[in-house]
Amino acid sequence: MTHDPAGLTVADYLDGAHEMAAAGRPFLAHLLAEEAARRVGDPATARSIRDKYTDPTTDRG
């Protein structure tokens, strides 16, 4: 990322999460999605983001 992290939007974090998931980096995807969820004002939307990008270190699959 070449941007100031303070200026990133929820969409920026979700784009990054999607890119990291596609690149096979699930933990980085989770971290970016968690930040996006933290910045969303709606609890249902935040929960939806967290459900999509679960923490791979707690997945017992």
PDB file of N, CA and C in Angstrom:
ATOM      1  N   MET A   1       0.841  -1.174   0.000  1.00  0.00           N
ATOM      2  CA  MET A   1       0.000   0.000   0.000  1.00  0.00           C
ATOM      3  C   MET A   1       0.886   1.238   0.000  1.00  0.00           C
ATOM      4  N   THR A   2       0.513   2.161  -0.822  1.00  0.00           N
ATOM      5  CA  THR A   2       1.294   3.390  -0.888  1.00  0.00           C
ATOM      6  C   THR A   2       0.572   4.555  -0.248  1.00  0.00           C
ATOM      7  N   HIS A   3      -0.592   4.281   0.333  1.00  0.00           N
ATOM      8  CA  HIS A   3      -1.394   5.337   0.944  1.00  0.00           C
ATOM      9  C   HIS A   3      -1.116   5.444   2.436  1.00  0.00           C
ATOM     10  N   ASP A   4      -1.462   6.598   2.972  1.00  0.00           N
ATOM     11  CA  ASP A   4      -1.423   6.786   4.424  1.00  0.00           C
ATOM     12  C   ASP A   4      -2.524   5.918   5.021  1.00  0.00           C
ATOM     13  N   PRO A   5      -2.213   5.004   5.939  1.00  0.00           N
ATOM     14  CA  PRO A   5      -3.240   4.122   6.508  1.00  0.00           C
ATOM     15  C   PRO A   5      -4.414   4.878   7.136  1.00  0.00           C
ATOM     16  N   ALA A   6      -4.174   6.087   7.605  1.00  0.00           N
ATOM     17  CA  ALA A   6      -5.262   6.849   8.214  1.00  0.00           C
ATOM     18  C   ALA A   6      -6.307   7.259   7.179  1.00  0.00           C
ATOM     19  N   GLY A   7      -5.936   7.291   5.919  1.00  0.00           N
ATOM     20  CA  GLY A   7      -6.861   7.711   4.874  1.00  0.00           C
ATOM     21  C   GLY A   7      -7.571   6.566   4.175  1.00  0.00           C
ATOM     22  N   LEU A   8      -7.314   5.328   4.591  1.00  0.00           N
ATOM     23  CA  LEU A   8      -7.948   4.189   3.933  1.00  0.00           C
ATOM     24  C   LEU A   8      -9.411   4.055   4.347  1.00  0.00           C
ATOM     25  N   THR A   9     -10.221   3.589   3.424  1.00  0.00           N
ATOM     26  CA  THR A   9     -11.650   3.415   3.678  1.00  0.00           C
ATOM     27  C   THR A   9     -11.950   1.942   3.960  1.00  0.00           C
ATOM     28  N   VAL A  10     -13.171   1.696   4.374  1.00  0.00           N
ATOM     29  CA  VAL A  10     -13.624   0.319   4.580  1.00  0.00           C
ATOM     30  C   VAL A  10     -13.458  -0.459   3.284  1.00  0.00           C
ATOM     31  N   ALA A  11     -13.817   0.152   2.169  1.00  0.00           N
ATOM     32  CA  ALA A  11     -13.693  -0.513   0.866  1.00  0.00           C
ATOM     33  C   ALA A  11     -12.238  -0.856   0.558  1.00  0.00           C
ATOM     34  N   ASP A  12     -11.311   0.026   0.924  1.00  0.00           N
ATOM     35  CA  ASP A  12      -9.885  -0.249   0.713  1.00  0.00           C
ATOM     36  C   ASP A  12      -9.461  -1.491   1.493  1.00  0.00           C
ATOM     37  N   TYR A  13      -9.876  -1.574   2.746  1.00  0.00           N
ATOM     38  CA  TYR A  13      -9.530  -2.732   3.570  1.00  0.00           C
ATOM     39  C   TYR A  13     -10.161  -4.010   3.026  1.00  0.00           C
ATOM     40  N   LEU A  14     -11.403  -3.923   2.559  1.00  0.00           N
ATOM     41  CA  LEU A  14     -12.061  -5.106   2.006  1.00  0.00           C
ATOM     42  C   LEU A  14     -11.424  -5.528   0.685  1.00  0.00           C
ATOM     43  N   ASP A  15     -11.018  -4.571  -0.133  1.00  0.00           N
ATOM     44  CA  ASP A  15     -10.302  -4.904  -1.371  1.00  0.00           C
ATOM     45  C   ASP A  15      -9.013  -5.644  -1.048  1.00  0.00           C
ATOM     46  N   GLY A  16      -8.292  -5.135  -0.058  1.00  0.00           N
ATOM     47  CA  GLY A  16      -7.056  -5.793   0.367  1.00  0.00           C
ATOM     48  C   GLY A  16      -7.311  -7.193   0.894  1.00  0.00           C
ATOM     49  N   ALA A  17      -8.382  -7.339   1.672  1.00  0.00           N
ATOM     50  CA  ALA A  17      -8.727  -8.659   2.214  1.00  0.00           C
ATOM     51  C   ALA A  17      -9.032  -9.633   1.085  1.00  0.00           C
ATOM     52  N   HIS A  18      -9.771  -9.174   0.101  1.00  0.00           N
ATOM     53  CA  HIS A  18     -10.103 -10.019  -1.040  1.00  0.00           C
ATOM     54  C   HIS A  18      -8.837 -10.429  -1.799  1.00  0.00           C
ATOM     55  N   GLU A  19      -7.944  -9.473  -2.023  1.00  0.00           N
ATOM     56  CA  GLU A  19      -6.690  -9.759  -2.722  1.00  0.00           C
ATOM     57  C   GLU A  19      -5.835 -10.756  -1.948  1.00  0.00           C
ATOM     58  N   MET A  20      -5.755 -10.592  -0.643  1.00  0.00           N
ATOM     59  CA  MET A  20      -4.951 -11.500   0.167  1.00  0.00           C
ATOM     60  C   MET A  20      -5.556 -12.901   0.188  1.00  0.00           C
ATOM     61  N   ALA A  21      -6.877 -12.994   0.250  1.00  0.00           N
ATOM     62  CA  ALA A  21      -7.534 -14.307   0.216  1.00  0.00           C
ATOM     63  C   ALA A  21      -7.265 -14.993  -1.124  1.00  0.00           C
ATOM     64  N   ALA A  22      -7.346 -14.238  -2.215  1.00  0.00           N
ATOM     65  CA  ALA A  22      -7.093 -14.801  -3.541  1.00  0.00           C
ATOM     66  C   ALA A  22      -5.635 -15.237  -3.702  1.00  0.00           C
ATOM     67  N   ALA A  23      -4.741 -14.571  -2.986  1.00  0.00           N
ATOM     68  CA  ALA A  23      -3.319 -14.897  -3.067  1.00  0.00           C
ATOM     69  C   ALA A  23      -2.924 -16.016  -2.096  1.00  0.00           C
ATOM     70  N   GLY A  24      -3.901 -16.580  -1.393  1.00  0.00           N
ATOM     71  CA  GLY A  24      -3.609 -17.658  -0.459  1.00  0.00           C
ATOM     72  C   GLY A  24      -3.022 -17.177   0.861  1.00  0.00           C
ATOM     73  N   ARG A  25      -3.353 -15.964   1.257  1.00  0.00           N
ATOM     74  CA  ARG A  25      -2.862 -15.394   2.520  1.00  0.00           C
ATOM     75  C   ARG A  25      -4.050 -15.147   3.453  1.00  0.00           C
ATOM     76  N   PRO A  26      -4.655 -16.212   3.975  1.00  0.00           N
ATOM     77  CA  PRO A  26      -5.888 -16.057   4.745  1.00  0.00           C
ATOM     78  C   PRO A  26      -5.738 -15.251   6.030  1.00  0.00           C
ATOM     79  N   PHE A  27      -4.587 -15.319   6.690  1.00  0.00           N
ATOM     80  CA  PHE A  27      -4.447 -14.561   7.930  1.00  0.00           C
ATOM     81  C   PHE A  27      -4.377 -13.067   7.648  1.00  0.00           C
ATOM     82  N   LEU A  28      -3.651 -12.680   6.614  1.00  0.00           N
ATOM     83  CA  LEU A  28      -3.621 -11.259   6.239  1.00  0.00           C
ATOM     84  C   LEU A  28      -5.006 -10.797   5.805  1.00  0.00           C
ATOM     85  N   ALA A  29      -5.722 -11.651   5.080  1.00  0.00           N
ATOM     86  CA  ALA A  29      -7.089 -11.316   4.683  1.00  0.00           C
ATOM     87  C   ALA A  29      -7.949 -11.077   5.919  1.00  0.00           C
ATOM     88  N   HIS A  30      -7.803 -11.944   6.905  1.00  0.00           N
ATOM     89  CA  HIS A  30      -8.560 -11.812   8.151  1.00  0.00           C
ATOM     90  C   HIS A  30      -8.239 -10.497   8.853  1.00  0.00           C
ATOM     91  N   LEU A  31      -6.964 -10.147   8.941  1.00  0.00           N
ATOM     92  CA  LEU A  31      -6.573  -8.907   9.619  1.00  0.00           C
ATOM     93  C   LEU A  31      -7.140  -7.673   8.916  1.00  0.00           C
ATOM     94  N   LEU A  32      -7.065  -7.654   7.605  1.00  0.00           N
ATOM     95  CA  LEU A  32      -7.612  -6.514   6.856  1.00  0.00           C
ATOM     96  C   LEU A  32      -9.135  -6.439   7.008  1.00  0.00           C
ATOM     97  N   ALA A  33      -9.789  -7.594   6.948  1.00  0.00           N
ATOM     98  CA  ALA A  33     -11.243  -7.619   7.109  1.00  0.00           C
ATOM     99  C   ALA A  33     -11.645  -7.202   8.519  1.00  0.00           C
ATOM    100  N   GLU A  34     -10.868  -7.605   9.500  1.00  0.00           N
ATOM    101  CA  GLU A  34     -11.169  -7.221  10.883  1.00  0.00           C
ATOM    102  C   GLU A  34     -11.107  -5.701  11.036  1.00  0.00           C
ATOM    103  N   GLU A  35     -10.131  -5.082  10.406  1.00  0.00           N
ATOM    104  CA  GLU A  35     -10.041  -3.618  10.454  1.00  0.00           C
ATOM    105  C   GLU A  35     -11.226  -2.982   9.737  1.00  0.00           C
ATOM    106  N   ALA A  36     -11.638  -3.553   8.619  1.00  0.00           N
ATOM    107  CA  ALA A  36     -12.809  -3.044   7.912  1.00  0.00           C
ATOM    108  C   ALA A  36     -14.046  -3.158   8.799  1.00  0.00           C
ATOM    109  N   ALA A  37     -14.209  -4.300   9.446  1.00  0.00           N
ATOM    110  CA  ALA A  37     -15.367  -4.513  10.318  1.00  0.00           C
ATOM    111  C   ALA A  37     -15.357  -3.535  11.492  1.00  0.00           C
ATOM    112  N   ARG A  38     -14.182  -3.258  12.001  1.00  0.00           N
ATOM    113  CA  ARG A  38     -14.062  -2.309  13.120  1.00  0.00           C
ATOM    114  C   ARG A  38     -14.494  -0.899  12.707  1.00  0.00           C
ATOM    115  N   ARG A  39     -14.287  -0.562  11.442  1.00  0.00           N
ATOM    116  CA  ARG A  39     -14.606   0.779  10.957  1.00  0.00           C
ATOM    117  C   ARG A  39     -16.057   0.941  10.494  1.00  0.00           C
ATOM    118  N   VAL A  40     -16.769  -0.155  10.353  1.00  0.00           N
ATOM    119  CA  VAL A  40     -18.170  -0.107   9.904  1.00  0.00           C
ATOM    120  C   VAL A  40     -19.056   0.253  11.080  1.00  0.00           C
ATOM    121  N   GLY A  41     -20.013   1.111  10.862  1.00  0.00           N
ATOM    122  CA  GLY A  41     -20.901   1.526  11.939  1.00  0.00           C
ATOM    123  C   GLY A  41     -22.023   0.550  12.242  1.00  0.00           C
ATOM    124  N   ASP A  42     -22.379  -0.272  11.278  1.00  0.00           N
ATOM    125  CA  ASP A  42     -23.511  -1.188  11.418  1.00  0.00           C
ATOM    126  C   ASP A  42     -23.040  -2.550  11.935  1.00  0.00           C
ATOM    127  N   PRO A  43     -23.529  -2.975  13.105  1.00  0.00           N
ATOM    128  CA  PRO A  43     -23.090  -4.262  13.665  1.00  0.00           C
ATOM    129  C   PRO A  43     -23.380  -5.462  12.759  1.00  0.00           C
ATOM    130  N   ALA A  44     -24.485  -5.445  12.046  1.00  0.00           N
ATOM    131  CA  ALA A  44     -24.815  -6.573  11.165  1.00  0.00           C
ATOM    132  C   ALA A  44     -23.822  -6.660  10.004  1.00  0.00           C
ATOM    133  N   THR A  45     -23.430  -5.529   9.470  1.00  0.00           N
ATOM    134  CA  THR A  45     -22.448  -5.511   8.389  1.00  0.00           C
ATOM    135  C   THR A  45     -21.089  -5.970   8.905  1.00  0.00           C
ATOM    136  N   ALA A  46     -20.715  -5.515  10.075  1.00  0.00           N
ATOM    137  CA  ALA A  46     -19.447  -5.929  10.675  1.00  0.00           C
ATOM    138  C   ALA A  46     -19.434  -7.444  10.890  1.00  0.00           C
ATOM    139  N   ARG A  47     -20.523  -7.986  11.372  1.00  0.00           N
ATOM    140  CA  ARG A  47     -20.631  -9.428  11.601  1.00  0.00           C
ATOM    141  C   ARG A  47     -20.518 -10.186  10.277  1.00  0.00           C
ATOM    142  N   SER A  48     -21.136  -9.654   9.233  1.00  0.00           N
ATOM    143  CA  SER A  48     -21.076 -10.274   7.913  1.00  0.00           C
ATOM    144  C   SER A  48     -19.647 -10.309   7.383  1.00  0.00           C
ATOM    145  N   ILE A  49     -18.910  -9.223   7.585  1.00  0.00           N
ATOM    146  CA  ILE A  49     -17.511  -9.168   7.158  1.00  0.00           C
ATOM    147  C   ILE A  49     -16.703 -10.202   7.934  1.00  0.00           C
ATOM    148  N   ARG A  50     -16.893 -10.244   9.229  1.00  0.00           N
ATOM    149  CA  ARG A  50     -16.145 -11.196  10.065  1.00  0.00           C
ATOM    150  C   ARG A  50     -16.475 -12.647   9.701  1.00  0.00           C
ATOM    151  N   ASP A  51     -17.729 -12.909   9.350  1.00  0.00           N
ATOM    152  CA  ASP A  51     -18.121 -14.265   8.959  1.00  0.00           C
ATOM    153  C   ASP A  51     -17.456 -14.691   7.653  1.00  0.00           C
ATOM    154  N   LYS A  52     -17.258 -13.750   6.758  1.00  0.00           N
ATOM    155  CA  LYS A  52     -16.658 -14.064   5.459  1.00  0.00           C
ATOM    156  C   LYS A  52     -15.162 -14.319   5.581  1.00  0.00           C
ATOM    157  N   TYR A  53     -14.500 -13.598   6.466  1.00  0.00           N
ATOM    158  CA  TYR A  53     -13.047 -13.711   6.632  1.00  0.00           C
ATOM    159  C   TYR A  53     -12.736 -14.144   8.061  1.00  0.00           C
ATOM    160  N   THR A  54     -13.018 -15.402   8.347  1.00  0.00           N
ATOM    161  CA  THR A  54     -12.790 -15.912   9.696  1.00  0.00           C
ATOM    162  C   THR A  54     -11.302 -16.044   9.987  1.00  0.00           C
ATOM    163  N   ASP A  55     -10.970 -16.089  11.246  1.00  0.00           N
ATOM    164  CA  ASP A  55      -9.576 -16.235  11.679  1.00  0.00           C
ATOM    165  C   ASP A  55      -9.105 -17.658  11.375  1.00  0.00           C
ATOM    166  N   PRO A  56      -8.163 -17.808  10.453  1.00  0.00           N
ATOM    167  CA  PRO A  56      -7.721 -19.163  10.093  1.00  0.00           C
ATOM    168  C   PRO A  56      -6.953 -19.870  11.211  1.00  0.00           C
ATOM    169  N   THR A  57      -6.502 -19.138  12.203  1.00  0.00           N
ATOM    170  CA  THR A  57      -5.774 -19.785  13.292  1.00  0.00           C
ATOM    171  C   THR A  57      -6.701 -20.446  14.305  1.00  0.00           C
ATOM    172  N   THR A  58      -8.006 -20.139  14.229  1.00  0.00           N
ATOM    173  CA  THR A  58      -8.959 -20.771  15.138  1.00  0.00           C
ATOM    174  C   THR A  58      -9.861 -21.752  14.405  1.00  0.00           C
ATOM    175  N   ASP A  59      -9.704 -21.854  13.093  1.00  0.00           N
ATOM    176  CA  ASP A  59     -10.498 -22.782  12.295  1.00  0.00           C
ATOM    177  C   ASP A  59     -10.054 -24.211  12.597  1.00  0.00           C
ATOM    178  N   ARG A  60     -10.965 -25.011  13.022  1.00  0.00           N
ATOM    179  CA  ARG A  60     -10.640 -26.406  13.328  1.00  0.00           C
ATOM    180  C   ARG A  60     -11.049 -27.327  12.191  1.00  0.00           C
ATOM    181  N   GLY A  61     -11.756 -26.732  11.153  1.00  0.00           N
ATOM    182  CA  GLY A  61     -12.164 -27.406   9.933  1.00  0.00           C
ATOM    183  C   GLY A  61     -12.375 -28.816  10.053  1.00  0.00           C
TER     184      GLY A  61
END
